[in-house]
């Protein structure tokens, strides 16, 4: 029953995600989303090549920013290509003249706190040979990197078509043939769909390490595919890709300081890999708060070393739990993307799942004659045991 409910929920979520993604196809194919406060787009078309393009920190450095630069370099390199269906699409390639070699990222202050007052403003100047992102905090720099990556188009056309169109030979860059059926989707959102598919195909909890092995496997597969393609498409054969972007000025700051999304793993368990895929999609949409509803009547999936019986008896299944290491990994993954985690553990009501692990925690119900009915209510405030368990849980949670 648990797995039927779990997979049914995932199937519904996956279909909803596909419908939403389809609705925003044009947005995800090169437009900026959400729309920045101020945008000036020039008709000048610039180009860049992975391997000949560098992202560099010129202001305050941090581990968060270093990791983000590496992440967005990969996003740019693996941007799914699309083939123009009209002549103007090809003509845009003939307007390319200037080559971007550097994106400098300047952060003014070292403050990395995440709260309602966090400054996420940034300015992006796309020009050649150097483009610039200027922000007060690393979180503003991350939003600027996202905007830059969205503004880059990767156009793919057959080599002979590119030559016939008079495209500058210096722009030609070999790549794999074709694109996926959902090739307009950017990598993070596509990986979220993959995570849903993986959860539907394997009824077990995907740990954090498995999540990284999964991505490493796909990176090895893509490298092998590129190597195979180059071997069979030498001497100018095959398709060519062009990473292009219009000269642009963006000045942006969020309209709302709290831009959140809620997931309810108390009622519908989600593997860690799916939650991380959701965080990838949130970064893409510049959302900054994940409300994680962890515990409710239906299940207690949160493992506790202090009170292990709560998850042992209260979770949907042995596999449907989150270890302290899982929670710490999700929090760290979110923080690296400028996202705060707000956990929700319902008390004193909505605690039926607690009673499956320790019935003494719940209030015993009585009828009008004062006789026990066999039913239970919320946490019992008259017992010291209740406060002992809560205090242990709070201490354990604050340690992580």
Foldseek 3Di string as FASTA:
>chain_A
DQVVLQLVVLVVVLVVLVVVCVVCLVCLQANFFPDFPDKDFDLQKEFEDLVQADEEEDADDDPLLVVLRVVLSVLLVLQQADADPDPVVLVSLVRYDAYARYEYEHAHDADLDFDLPDWQWWKWWDDPPYTYIYYPYVNVSLLVSLRVSSNKHKYKDWLVVNVVSVRDPVQWDDDFADADPSRSHGDLLVLLSVLSVVCSVDVFAQFPVNLVVVVVVVVVVRVVRRVVRCVVAPPRGHMTIITMGTGMIGTGTDPGSAFEDEDACQSHFGHLSNLLSVLSVCLSNVHAEYEYEQHFLQAHQEADPVQRLLRVQGHPDPRRHAYPVSVVVSQVSSSSSNHHYHYDHDPQFRCNSSCRSPVLQWAFDADPVRHTPPDTTGGDPVDPVNVVVVVSVVVVVVVD
